[in-house]
């Protein structure tokens, strides 16, 4: 970091290569250690049901999640994250190239350093397998292409790059519906800047529109086949479910700043809302020393970044005043704003920037080490063999034990002939909710297992991967952790329903949960479903992003 502060432009590719490779190694280590998240386990099941699209999200998350298992032939928390690890490295590279194109190499490297340290970026986009990983990759690609299209010449002339932008925006939408906001931002930029309105008169805009529609067609094909249920579900989430609360709005803003980490969250909000004014003496001196590299830093380049970033930041932040929002929803906007923060930081005192980045890195590293060590070894867990100072949290009230160690569940079946025999005899395996079904699917991946299904009101994709009636008369195997175990609700559905085994889950030398395994013979009637498989009813609005 010290080298970066002294003279960025003289080091060529060394700083950025160090940041990209170092970040990839750190994130890979976290990906190996961190148990699968709830959504990650569920998205693994996308890979078992290839389709044009899915109830929750478009198809790209299924492809990025499946990349590692298809490549390695193995299913683990690391392999399902290989796609995200690579996509985030690619997104950082694209962000760097955009920073160099718009500002300077120093600003670009600082931008990547900032993006590499922000926790919700490198964990949410760069470790976990979520729809946000491909979204942020194509978001970054669209920003770079827009930079090349609009600022390549002093006088703008539309080119074939407009068509490429249409394609990439479509791929962003194919990653997550939030990609629509990216497209609207680009349209807004052209409409509000006179010299770029000529883009709408170019034949290339028609090619861009055609490629965009072709790219997102899988979403419409799937929705057409399923009564538009996904689009109805997602659009319904924007409808207020309570009166507007300024207190809730402030809370959402502060939570977002916490996920960004305060030393970055507050500056990002500052550059997002700050008006561009005249340059100070330090900035004038910087531009004179870097006249070639910073020549494209114009009001139009700042306008492009803001048009791509502010709509998604403000829309989802304001939504937080009337409904709970997930922190990742607004983050693509802050991702773009790191370019402005990197440009600002390039004009600050090198010593101050060095202290800012290093102190943030140390604190984030310590907090991350505490979190990962607890999740894997139970260092904060009372009665754990690795507990620090005797531990702080009893396992019975520790929410982190809900992240299932799939390897231990897998070993439970490998070491029990009774369980493996029951698995072979079962026509289906079922769980209480979609996330537990995902964990079970990952755990049983090496076995020749029957379909994984879910008995619950909130079925998501499970409502379309099978019908309720097809399991009648069949035998099922039920798995559930003891903390959410409720076999009584299934007693009337099977001719017989009995326990055949238990699988203890250990952490830090102590048992933190026990998986119950039950065998249900002859399903007597379909388990009721609220939607899906010809039901035609609108789903209950709840759940993840």
Protein backbone atom coordinates (compact mmCIF):
# COMPACT_ATOMS: atom_id res chain seq x y z
CA UNK A 1 0.00 0.00 0.00
CA UNK A 2 2.90 2.33 0.72
CA UNK A 3 4.14 2.00 -2.87
CA UNK A 4 0.70 2.90 -4.16
CA UNK A 5 0.63 6.09 -2.11
CA UNK A 6 4.03 7.28 -3.37
CA UNK A 7 3.64 6.95 -7.10
CA UNK A 8 0.88 4.94 -8.67
CA UNK A 9 1.40 5.78 -12.31
CA UNK A 10 5.01 4.66 -12.32
CA UNK A 11 4.35 1.07 -11.36
CA UNK A 12 2.59 -0.08 -14.53
CA UNK A 13 0.48 -3.16 -13.93
CA UNK A 14 2.05 -4.18 -10.61
CA UNK A 15 -0.45 -2.56 -8.18
CA UNK A 16 -3.56 -3.80 -9.95
CA UNK A 17 -2.20 -7.32 -10.44
CA UNK A 18 -1.28 -7.47 -6.75
CA UNK A 19 -4.75 -6.31 -5.74
CA UNK A 20 -6.56 -8.74 -8.06
CA UNK A 21 -4.49 -11.81 -7.21
CA UNK A 22 -4.27 -11.01 -3.50
CA UNK A 23 -8.00 -10.42 -3.31
CA UNK A 24 -8.74 -13.64 -5.18
CA UNK A 25 -6.58 -15.64 -2.76
CA UNK A 26 -8.23 -14.11 0.32
CA UNK A 27 -11.73 -14.61 -1.06
CA UNK A 28 -10.90 -18.19 -2.07
CA UNK A 29 -9.80 -18.96 1.49
CA UNK A 30 -13.07 -17.54 2.83
CA UNK A 31 -15.01 -19.54 0.23
CA UNK A 32 -13.36 -22.75 1.46
CA UNK A 33 -14.01 -22.06 5.15
CA UNK A 34 -17.43 -20.41 5.19
CA UNK A 35 -20.42 -22.81 5.37
CA UNK A 36 -22.99 -22.41 2.58
CA UNK A 37 -25.55 -19.66 3.12
CA UNK A 38 -29.29 -20.29 2.96
CA UNK A 39 -29.75 -18.76 -0.50
CA UNK A 40 -26.58 -20.40 -1.82
CA UNK A 41 -27.83 -23.86 -0.91
CA UNK A 42 -31.17 -23.14 -2.55
CA UNK A 43 -29.51 -21.82 -5.72
CA UNK A 44 -27.53 -25.05 -5.95
CA UNK A 45 -30.87 -26.72 -6.69
CA UNK A 46 -31.20 -24.48 -9.75
CA UNK A 47 -28.34 -26.49 -11.22
CA UNK A 48 -30.41 -29.66 -10.80
CA UNK A 49 -33.36 -28.15 -12.67
CA UNK A 50 -32.06 -26.37 -15.80
CA UNK A 51 -34.72 -24.07 -17.22
CA UNK A 52 -35.26 -20.84 -19.13
CA UNK A 53 -35.68 -18.97 -15.85
CA UNK A 54 -36.77 -19.52 -12.26
CA UNK A 55 -39.42 -18.32 -9.85
CA UNK A 56 -37.01 -16.17 -7.81
CA UNK A 57 -34.47 -15.00 -10.38
CA UNK A 58 -33.41 -15.31 -14.02
CA UNK A 59 -31.15 -18.17 -15.08
CA UNK A 60 -27.66 -16.66 -14.71
CA UNK A 61 -27.30 -17.54 -11.00
CA UNK A 62 -27.93 -21.18 -11.89
CA UNK A 63 -25.12 -21.07 -14.43
CA UNK A 64 -22.65 -19.30 -12.12
CA UNK A 65 -23.48 -21.65 -9.23
CA UNK A 66 -23.21 -24.73 -11.41
CA UNK A 67 -19.92 -23.72 -13.04
CA UNK A 68 -17.71 -25.06 -10.23
CA UNK A 69 -19.53 -28.38 -9.68
CA UNK A 70 -19.70 -29.01 -13.44
CA UNK A 71 -16.00 -28.18 -13.77
CA UNK A 72 -14.76 -30.23 -10.82
CA UNK A 73 -17.42 -32.94 -10.51
CA UNK A 74 -17.69 -32.16 -6.80
CA UNK A 75 -20.26 -30.27 -4.70
CA UNK A 76 -19.01 -28.22 -1.75
CA UNK A 77 -19.22 -24.69 -0.43
CA UNK A 78 -16.07 -23.88 -2.39
CA UNK A 79 -17.06 -25.35 -5.76
CA UNK A 80 -20.47 -23.62 -5.89
CA UNK A 81 -18.59 -20.33 -5.32
CA UNK A 82 -15.95 -20.70 -8.04
CA UNK A 83 -18.14 -18.81 -10.49
CA UNK A 84 -18.53 -15.87 -8.10
CA UNK A 85 -14.80 -15.80 -7.33
CA UNK A 86 -13.94 -15.49 -11.01
CA UNK A 87 -16.77 -13.10 -11.90
CA UNK A 88 -15.77 -10.69 -9.15
CA UNK A 89 -12.16 -10.69 -10.26
CA UNK A 90 -13.42 -9.90 -13.75
CA UNK A 91 -15.69 -7.14 -12.42
CA UNK A 92 -12.77 -5.52 -10.58
CA UNK A 93 -10.71 -5.65 -13.78
CA UNK A 94 -13.50 -3.95 -15.73
CA UNK A 95 -13.86 -1.34 -12.99
CA UNK A 96 -10.12 -0.65 -13.19
CA UNK A 97 -10.21 -0.22 -16.98
CA UNK A 98 -13.14 2.19 -16.63
CA UNK A 99 -11.27 4.20 -13.99
CA UNK A 100 -8.19 4.46 -16.21
CA UNK A 101 -10.35 5.50 -19.16
CA UNK A 102 -12.26 8.19 -17.23
CA UNK A 103 -9.73 9.46 -14.69
CA UNK A 104 -6.18 8.13 -14.21
CA UNK A 105 -4.33 4.96 -13.34
CA UNK A 106 -3.89 6.18 -9.78
CA UNK A 107 -7.62 6.79 -9.42
CA UNK A 108 -8.37 3.40 -11.00
CA UNK A 109 -6.08 1.48 -8.66
CA UNK A 110 -7.51 3.33 -5.67
CA UNK A 111 -11.01 2.46 -6.90
CA UNK A 112 -10.12 -1.24 -7.02
CA UNK A 113 -8.49 -1.02 -3.59
CA UNK A 114 -11.67 0.48 -2.15
CA UNK A 115 -13.94 -2.06 -3.87
CA UNK A 116 -11.67 -4.88 -2.69
CA UNK A 117 -12.05 -3.81 0.95
CA UNK A 118 -15.78 -3.04 1.19
CA UNK A 119 -17.22 -6.09 3.00
CA UNK A 120 -20.56 -6.39 1.21
CA UNK A 121 -18.76 -6.13 -2.13
CA UNK A 122 -16.10 -8.77 -1.65
CA UNK A 123 -18.38 -11.12 0.32
CA UNK A 124 -21.76 -10.52 -1.33
CA UNK A 125 -20.44 -10.15 -4.88
CA UNK A 126 -17.11 -11.95 -4.68
CA UNK A 127 -17.51 -14.98 -2.40
CA UNK A 128 -21.14 -16.03 -2.05
CA UNK A 129 -22.92 -17.49 -5.06
CA UNK A 130 -25.75 -15.00 -5.48
CA UNK A 131 -27.46 -13.36 -8.48
CA UNK A 132 -25.46 -10.24 -7.61
CA UNK A 133 -22.18 -11.81 -8.79
CA UNK A 134 -23.07 -12.04 -12.50
CA UNK A 135 -25.12 -8.82 -12.17
CA UNK A 136 -22.13 -6.79 -11.00
CA UNK A 137 -19.90 -8.31 -13.69
CA UNK A 138 -22.22 -7.31 -16.52
CA UNK A 139 -22.99 -4.00 -14.79
CA UNK A 140 -19.25 -3.25 -14.87
CA UNK A 141 -18.98 -4.39 -18.49
CA UNK A 142 -21.85 -2.09 -19.50
CA UNK A 143 -20.20 0.87 -17.74
CA UNK A 144 -16.89 0.26 -19.53
CA UNK A 145 -18.61 -0.13 -22.90
CA UNK A 146 -20.62 3.04 -22.32
CA UNK A 147 -17.38 4.87 -21.49
CA UNK A 148 -15.82 3.66 -24.74
CA UNK A 149 -18.95 4.52 -26.72
CA UNK A 150 -19.63 8.02 -25.42
CA UNK A 151 -16.14 9.38 -24.65
CA UNK A 152 -14.02 7.85 -27.39
CA UNK A 153 -14.04 11.06 -29.47
CA UNK A 154 -14.49 14.75 -28.64
CA UNK A 155 -17.63 14.84 -30.82
CA UNK A 156 -19.90 11.87 -30.21
CA UNK A 157 -20.82 9.62 -33.14
CA UNK A 158 -22.90 6.48 -32.46
CA UNK A 159 -21.15 3.19 -33.23
CA UNK A 160 -21.60 -0.57 -33.08
CA UNK A 161 -20.80 -0.36 -29.36
CA UNK A 162 -24.41 0.69 -28.78
CA UNK A 163 -25.44 -2.80 -29.89
CA UNK A 164 -22.90 -4.36 -27.53
CA UNK A 165 -24.28 -2.24 -24.67
CA UNK A 166 -27.79 -3.53 -25.41
CA UNK A 167 -26.51 -7.10 -25.25
CA UNK A 168 -24.64 -6.60 -21.97
CA UNK A 169 -27.55 -4.80 -20.31
CA UNK A 170 -29.68 -7.77 -21.31
CA UNK A 171 -27.18 -10.11 -19.66
CA UNK A 172 -27.37 -7.97 -16.51
CA UNK A 173 -31.16 -8.40 -16.54
CA UNK A 174 -30.64 -12.12 -17.10
CA UNK A 175 -28.65 -12.09 -13.86
CA UNK A 176 -31.10 -10.14 -11.72
CA UNK A 177 -34.14 -8.01 -12.49
CA UNK A 178 -32.27 -5.02 -11.08
CA UNK A 179 -30.45 -4.86 -14.41
CA UNK A 180 -33.47 -2.96 -15.79
CA UNK A 181 -32.41 0.05 -13.70
CA UNK A 182 -29.01 -0.02 -15.42
CA UNK A 183 -30.69 0.25 -18.82
CA UNK A 184 -32.97 3.07 -17.67
CA UNK A 185 -29.95 4.94 -16.29
CA UNK A 186 -28.18 4.78 -19.66
CA UNK A 187 -31.32 6.05 -21.40
CA UNK A 188 -31.59 8.87 -18.85
CA UNK A 189 -27.96 9.86 -19.45
CA UNK A 190 -28.52 10.19 -23.20
CA UNK A 191 -31.82 12.05 -22.84
CA UNK A 192 -30.43 14.65 -20.44
CA UNK A 193 -27.23 15.36 -22.40
CA UNK A 194 -27.90 17.07 -25.75
CA UNK A 195 -24.84 15.80 -27.59
CA UNK A 196 -25.70 12.17 -26.80
CA UNK A 197 -29.37 12.26 -27.85
CA UNK A 198 -28.19 11.51 -31.38
CA UNK A 199 -27.84 7.89 -30.19
CA UNK A 200 -31.62 7.52 -30.48
CA UNK A 201 -31.45 8.42 -34.18
CA UNK A 202 -28.80 5.83 -34.98
CA UNK A 203 -29.70 2.47 -36.57
CA UNK A 204 -27.40 0.92 -33.98
CA UNK A 205 -29.97 1.70 -31.29
CA UNK A 206 -32.42 -0.61 -33.06
CA UNK A 207 -29.80 -3.37 -33.11
CA UNK A 208 -29.18 -2.72 -29.39
CA UNK A 209 -32.89 -2.98 -28.64
CA UNK A 210 -33.17 -6.18 -30.66
CA UNK A 211 -30.20 -7.80 -28.91
CA UNK A 212 -31.55 -6.69 -25.52
CA UNK A 213 -34.97 -8.24 -26.21
CA UNK A 214 -33.40 -11.43 -27.57
CA UNK A 215 -31.14 -11.74 -24.50
CA UNK A 216 -33.95 -11.35 -21.96
CA UNK A 217 -36.35 -13.58 -23.91
CA UNK A 218 -35.73 -16.58 -21.57
CA UNK A 219 -37.34 -14.58 -18.76
CA UNK A 220 -40.49 -13.99 -20.82
CA UNK A 221 -40.59 -17.52 -22.22
CA UNK A 222 -40.57 -19.00 -18.70
CA UNK A 223 -43.06 -16.48 -17.33
CA UNK A 224 -45.39 -17.00 -20.28
CA UNK A 225 -45.34 -20.72 -19.54
CA UNK A 226 -46.07 -20.13 -15.83
CA UNK A 227 -48.77 -17.45 -15.77
CA UNK A 228 -46.22 -14.60 -15.36
CA UNK A 229 -45.76 -15.66 -11.76
CA UNK A 230 -42.15 -14.49 -11.35
CA UNK A 231 -42.80 -11.02 -12.75
CA UNK A 232 -45.95 -10.71 -10.63
CA UNK A 233 -44.03 -11.80 -7.56
CA UNK A 234 -41.11 -9.41 -8.05
CA UNK A 235 -43.22 -6.41 -9.07
CA UNK A 236 -45.48 -6.97 -6.07
CA UNK A 237 -42.54 -6.47 -3.74
CA UNK A 238 -42.36 -2.79 -4.69
CA UNK A 239 -45.88 -2.23 -3.34
CA UNK A 240 -45.89 -0.65 0.15
CA UNK A 241 -46.94 -3.03 2.92
CA UNK A 242 -47.04 -0.39 5.65
CA UNK A 243 -47.19 3.38 6.13
CA UNK A 244 -44.04 5.34 5.34
CA UNK A 245 -41.62 5.79 8.23
CA UNK A 246 -38.71 8.23 8.26
CA UNK A 247 -37.24 6.29 11.18
CA UNK A 248 -37.23 3.10 9.08
CA UNK A 249 -35.67 5.04 6.20
CA UNK A 250 -32.84 6.30 8.42
CA UNK A 251 -32.40 2.79 9.77
CA UNK A 252 -32.09 1.38 6.23
CA UNK A 253 -29.49 4.02 5.35
CA UNK A 254 -27.43 3.28 8.46
CA UNK A 255 -27.66 -0.48 7.92
CA UNK A 256 -26.42 0.01 4.35
CA UNK A 257 -23.52 2.13 5.61
CA UNK A 258 -22.69 -0.63 8.07
CA UNK A 259 -22.54 -3.23 5.30
CA UNK A 260 -20.37 -0.90 3.22
CA UNK A 261 -18.28 -0.29 6.39
CA UNK A 262 -18.51 3.24 7.83
CA UNK A 263 -15.09 4.41 6.63
CA UNK A 264 -16.32 3.77 3.08
CA UNK A 265 -20.08 4.07 3.49
CA UNK A 266 -20.12 7.71 4.58
CA UNK A 267 -17.62 8.85 1.87
CA UNK A 268 -19.63 6.97 -0.77
CA UNK A 269 -22.81 8.78 0.23
CA UNK A 270 -20.80 12.04 0.19
CA UNK A 271 -19.54 11.61 -3.38
CA UNK A 272 -22.97 10.37 -4.46
CA UNK A 273 -24.74 13.55 -3.36
CA UNK A 274 -21.94 16.12 -3.67
CA UNK A 275 -22.29 18.70 -6.43
CA UNK A 276 -19.33 19.04 -8.78
CA UNK A 277 -17.67 22.39 -8.12
CA UNK A 278 -14.47 24.12 -9.14
CA UNK A 279 -11.21 22.36 -8.43
CA UNK A 280 -8.95 23.33 -5.56
CA UNK A 281 -5.23 24.03 -5.88
CA UNK A 282 -4.30 20.40 -5.14
CA UNK A 283 -6.68 19.13 -7.82
CA UNK A 284 -5.43 21.67 -10.39
CA UNK A 285 -1.85 20.60 -9.68
CA UNK A 286 -2.83 16.95 -9.99
CA UNK A 287 -4.49 17.53 -13.38
CA UNK A 288 -1.45 19.40 -14.67
CA UNK A 289 0.80 16.46 -13.72
CA UNK A 290 -1.63 13.92 -15.22
CA UNK A 291 -3.07 15.88 -18.14
CA UNK A 292 -3.20 12.93 -20.55
CA UNK A 293 -4.70 10.39 -18.18
CA UNK A 294 -7.28 12.72 -16.65
CA UNK A 295 -8.29 14.50 -19.87
CA UNK A 296 -11.60 12.69 -19.99
CA UNK A 297 -12.64 13.71 -16.48
CA UNK A 298 -15.54 15.89 -17.62
CA UNK A 299 -19.01 16.72 -16.31
CA UNK A 300 -20.34 14.21 -18.84
CA UNK A 301 -18.24 11.36 -17.43
CA UNK A 302 -19.42 12.22 -13.91
CA UNK A 303 -22.98 12.39 -15.23
CA UNK A 304 -22.69 8.90 -16.75
CA UNK A 305 -21.55 7.37 -13.46
CA UNK A 306 -24.33 9.11 -11.55
CA UNK A 307 -27.05 8.16 -14.02
CA UNK A 308 -26.00 4.52 -13.78
CA UNK A 309 -25.61 4.60 -9.99
CA UNK A 310 -28.01 7.02 -8.32
CA UNK A 311 -31.34 5.63 -9.60
CA UNK A 312 -30.78 2.24 -7.96
CA UNK A 313 -29.29 3.79 -4.80
CA UNK A 314 -32.15 6.21 -4.26
CA UNK A 315 -35.03 3.96 -5.34
CA UNK A 316 -34.14 1.09 -3.03
CA UNK A 317 -33.04 3.36 -0.20
CA UNK A 318 -36.37 5.21 -0.28
CA UNK A 319 -38.16 1.87 -0.45
CA UNK A 320 -36.63 1.09 2.95
CA UNK A 321 -39.07 3.57 4.47
CA UNK A 322 -42.08 1.38 3.76
CA UNK A 323 -40.78 -2.19 3.60
CA UNK A 324 -37.72 -4.22 4.64
CA UNK A 325 -35.05 -4.28 1.94
CA UNK A 326 -32.02 -6.48 1.53
CA UNK A 327 -28.70 -4.60 1.72
CA UNK A 328 -27.54 -5.93 -1.67
CA UNK A 329 -30.40 -4.26 -3.55
CA UNK A 330 -28.84 -0.78 -3.68
CA UNK A 331 -25.21 -1.92 -3.82
CA UNK A 332 -24.68 -1.91 -7.62
CA UNK A 333 -25.14 1.85 -7.40
CA UNK A 334 -22.47 2.21 -4.73
CA UNK A 335 -20.25 -0.02 -6.86
CA UNK A 336 -20.31 2.61 -9.60
CA UNK A 337 -19.76 5.38 -7.05
CA UNK A 338 -16.43 3.83 -6.03
CA UNK A 339 -15.10 5.35 -9.27
CA UNK A 340 -15.91 8.83 -8.02
CA UNK A 341 -14.50 8.06 -4.59
CA UNK A 342 -11.32 6.67 -6.16
CA UNK A 343 -10.97 9.81 -8.27
CA UNK A 344 -11.43 12.01 -5.21
CA UNK A 345 -8.97 9.95 -3.15
CA UNK A 346 -6.37 10.29 -5.92
CA UNK A 347 -6.38 14.04 -5.24
CA UNK A 348 -6.03 13.75 -1.47
CA UNK A 349 -2.87 13.54 0.60
CA UNK A 350 -1.09 10.24 -0.23
CA UNK A 351 -0.23 9.74 3.44
CA UNK A 352 -3.85 10.31 4.49
CA UNK A 353 -5.13 7.87 1.84
CA UNK A 354 -2.61 5.27 2.94
CA UNK A 355 -3.72 5.55 6.58
CA UNK A 356 -7.39 5.45 5.58
CA UNK A 357 -7.05 2.27 3.51
CA UNK A 358 -4.68 0.47 5.86
CA UNK A 359 -6.67 1.20 9.02
CA UNK A 360 -9.89 0.11 7.29
CA UNK A 361 -8.20 -3.06 6.03
CA UNK A 362 -6.90 -3.97 9.49
CA UNK A 363 -10.25 -3.46 11.25
CA UNK A 364 -12.20 -5.29 8.53
CA UNK A 365 -9.65 -8.12 8.58
CA UNK A 366 -9.95 -8.53 12.35
CA UNK A 367 -13.76 -8.53 12.26
CA UNK A 368 -13.76 -10.98 9.37
CA UNK A 369 -11.31 -13.30 11.13
CA UNK A 370 -13.52 -13.30 14.24
CA UNK A 371 -16.63 -14.07 12.20
CA UNK A 372 -15.09 -16.86 10.08
CA UNK A 373 -13.33 -18.47 13.06
CA UNK A 374 -16.60 -18.54 14.99
CA UNK A 375 -18.58 -19.98 12.08
CA UNK A 376 -16.04 -22.74 11.52
CA UNK A 377 -14.57 -23.38 15.01
CA UNK A 378 -17.08 -21.82 17.38
CA UNK A 379 -14.57 -19.43 18.95
CA UNK A 380 -17.37 -17.37 20.54
CA UNK A 381 -19.42 -20.43 21.47
CA UNK A 382 -19.78 -21.44 25.09
CA UNK A 383 -18.61 -25.00 25.81
CA UNK A 384 -16.58 -25.08 22.59
CA UNK A 385 -13.09 -26.54 22.51
CA UNK A 386 -11.79 -23.44 20.73
CA UNK A 387 -13.82 -20.89 22.68
CA UNK A 388 -11.96 -17.67 23.48
CA UNK A 389 -12.28 -16.67 27.16
CA UNK A 390 -14.84 -19.41 27.69
CA UNK A 391 -17.10 -18.25 24.88
CA UNK A 392 -19.94 -15.73 24.83
CA UNK A 393 -22.93 -17.38 23.09
CA UNK A 394 -24.65 -20.65 24.04
CA UNK A 395 -25.11 -22.86 20.97
CA UNK A 396 -28.84 -23.10 21.74
CA UNK A 397 -29.34 -19.39 20.95
CA UNK A 398 -26.57 -18.97 18.36
CA UNK A 399 -28.17 -18.25 15.00
CA UNK A 400 -24.96 -19.12 13.17
CA UNK A 401 -25.52 -22.84 13.79
CA UNK A 402 -28.33 -22.62 11.25
CA UNK A 403 -25.65 -22.63 8.55
CA UNK A 404 -25.44 -26.35 7.92
CA UNK A 405 -22.13 -28.20 7.62
CA UNK A 406 -23.10 -30.30 4.60
CA UNK A 407 -19.96 -32.45 4.91
CA UNK A 408 -21.10 -33.76 8.30
CA UNK A 409 -24.58 -34.60 6.98
CA UNK A 410 -22.92 -36.34 4.03
CA UNK A 411 -20.66 -38.36 6.35
CA UNK A 412 -23.70 -39.34 8.41
CA UNK A 413 -25.11 -41.14 5.37
CA UNK A 414 -21.75 -42.57 4.33
CA UNK A 415 -21.22 -44.11 7.76
CA UNK A 416 -24.73 -45.53 8.19
CA UNK A 417 -25.82 -48.48 6.05
CA UNK A 418 -29.36 -48.01 7.37
CA UNK A 419 -29.56 -44.47 6.09
CA UNK A 420 -28.01 -45.24 2.72
CA UNK A 421 -30.42 -48.17 2.31
CA UNK A 422 -33.39 -45.93 3.16
CA UNK A 423 -32.14 -43.34 0.67
CA UNK A 424 -32.10 -45.97 -2.09
CA UNK A 425 -35.63 -47.10 -1.22
CA UNK A 426 -37.07 -43.56 -1.13
CA UNK A 427 -38.93 -42.08 -4.08
CA UNK A 428 -38.31 -38.55 -2.84
CA UNK A 429 -36.47 -36.67 -0.08
CA UNK A 430 -38.24 -33.75 1.56
CA UNK A 431 -37.58 -30.91 3.98
CA UNK A 432 -39.56 -28.28 5.85
CA UNK A 433 -38.37 -25.28 3.81
CA UNK A 434 -36.62 -24.44 0.58
CA UNK A 435 -33.30 -23.55 2.19
CA UNK A 436 -33.04 -26.78 4.19
CA UNK A 437 -33.93 -28.66 1.02
CA UNK A 438 -30.95 -26.94 -0.62
CA UNK A 439 -28.60 -28.00 2.16
CA UNK A 440 -29.88 -31.57 1.90
CA UNK A 441 -29.43 -31.52 -1.87
CA UNK A 442 -25.80 -30.42 -1.49
CA UNK A 443 -25.13 -33.01 1.24
CA UNK A 444 -26.59 -35.86 -0.82
CA UNK A 445 -24.95 -34.80 -4.10
CA UNK A 446 -22.44 -37.71 -4.23
CA UNK A 447 -25.23 -40.27 -3.77
CA UNK A 448 -27.65 -41.54 -6.38
CA UNK A 449 -30.55 -39.88 -4.58
CA UNK A 450 -34.19 -39.35 -5.58
CA UNK A 451 -35.64 -35.85 -6.21
CA UNK A 452 -35.48 -33.30 -3.39
CA UNK A 453 -38.83 -31.63 -2.66
CA UNK A 454 -40.29 -29.33 -0.03
CA UNK A 455 -43.49 -29.41 2.03
CA UNK A 456 -44.21 -25.78 2.85
CA UNK A 457 -46.39 -22.81 1.93
CA UNK A 458 -43.39 -20.91 0.53
CA UNK A 459 -42.22 -23.21 -2.26
CA UNK A 460 -40.56 -20.88 -4.77
CA UNK A 461 -39.01 -23.04 -7.50
CA UNK A 462 -40.23 -26.27 -5.93
CA UNK A 463 -43.77 -25.35 -7.00
CA UNK A 464 -42.67 -25.78 -10.64
CA UNK A 465 -40.11 -28.58 -10.42
CA UNK A 466 -42.80 -31.17 -9.69
CA UNK A 467 -46.50 -31.47 -8.99
CA UNK A 468 -48.04 -32.24 -5.61
CA UNK A 469 -49.97 -35.19 -7.00
CA UNK A 470 -47.02 -37.10 -8.49
CA UNK A 471 -45.74 -38.17 -5.06
CA UNK A 472 -48.98 -39.75 -3.86
CA UNK A 473 -48.43 -43.45 -3.11
CA UNK A 474 -44.66 -42.93 -2.95
CA UNK A 475 -42.19 -43.27 -0.09
CA UNK A 476 -40.35 -40.27 1.30
CA UNK A 477 -37.29 -39.59 3.44
CA UNK A 478 -37.55 -36.59 5.76
CA UNK A 479 -34.51 -34.69 7.09
CA UNK A 480 -34.64 -31.83 9.55
CA UNK A 481 -32.35 -30.24 12.14
CA UNK A 482 -33.74 -30.66 15.64
CA UNK A 483 -34.14 -26.90 16.13
CA UNK A 484 -36.93 -26.75 13.52
CA UNK A 485 -38.09 -30.35 13.77
CA UNK A 486 -41.90 -30.71 13.59
CA UNK A 487 -42.89 -34.19 12.39
CA UNK A 488 -46.47 -33.95 13.68
CA UNK A 489 -47.63 -31.97 10.65
CA UNK A 490 -46.80 -34.92 8.39
CA UNK A 491 -48.38 -37.73 10.42
CA UNK A 492 -51.70 -37.62 8.58
CA UNK A 493 -50.06 -37.69 5.19
CA UNK A 494 -48.23 -41.04 5.36
CA UNK A 495 -49.43 -44.54 6.11
CA UNK A 496 -46.45 -44.82 8.46
CA UNK A 497 -43.93 -42.21 9.56
CA UNK A 498 -41.08 -43.22 11.86
CA UNK A 499 -37.59 -42.15 12.85
CA UNK A 500 -34.73 -44.21 11.43
CA UNK A 501 -31.65 -42.24 12.46
CA UNK A 502 -29.89 -39.16 13.74
CA UNK A 503 -26.86 -37.25 12.51
CA UNK A 504 -25.12 -35.07 15.12
CA UNK A 505 -23.59 -31.81 13.90
CA UNK A 506 -20.40 -30.81 15.72
CA UNK A 507 -18.62 -27.49 16.01
CA UNK A 508 -15.72 -26.70 18.25
CA UNK A 509 -15.84 -30.17 19.82
CA UNK A 510 -19.49 -29.78 20.91
CA UNK A 511 -22.77 -30.93 19.37
CA UNK A 512 -24.64 -27.84 18.18
CA UNK A 513 -27.52 -29.58 16.39
CA UNK A 514 -28.85 -33.01 15.48
CA UNK A 515 -30.40 -33.91 12.13
CA UNK A 516 -33.44 -36.14 12.49
CA UNK A 517 -34.07 -38.66 9.70
CA UNK A 518 -37.59 -40.07 9.28
CA UNK A 519 -38.99 -42.55 6.79
CA UNK A 520 -42.49 -41.95 5.48
CA UNK A 521 -44.19 -44.78 3.63
CA UNK A 522 -47.05 -44.38 1.17
CA UNK A 523 -47.98 -40.70 0.87
CA UNK A 524 -51.78 -40.78 1.20
CA UNK A 525 -52.66 -37.38 -0.24
CA UNK A 526 -50.90 -34.41 -1.85
CA UNK A 527 -49.35 -31.91 0.52
CA UNK A 528 -51.25 -28.65 -0.18
CA UNK A 529 -49.67 -25.94 -2.31
CA UNK A 530 -50.67 -22.30 -2.57
CA UNK A 531 -49.36 -21.85 -6.11
CA UNK A 532 -47.55 -23.53 -8.97
CA UNK A 533 -48.09 -26.58 -11.18
CA UNK A 534 -51.34 -25.29 -12.67
CA UNK A 535 -52.63 -23.75 -9.45
CA UNK A 536 -52.52 -20.27 -10.92
CA UNK A 537 -52.68 -18.38 -7.62
CA UNK A 538 -50.37 -15.49 -6.77
CA UNK A 539 -47.60 -16.42 -4.34
CA UNK A 540 -47.27 -15.07 -0.84
CA UNK A 541 -44.86 -12.12 -0.91
CA UNK A 542 -42.00 -12.94 1.41
CA UNK A 543 -38.44 -14.20 1.43
CA UNK A 544 -35.11 -13.30 -0.15
CA UNK A 545 -33.94 -10.87 -2.80
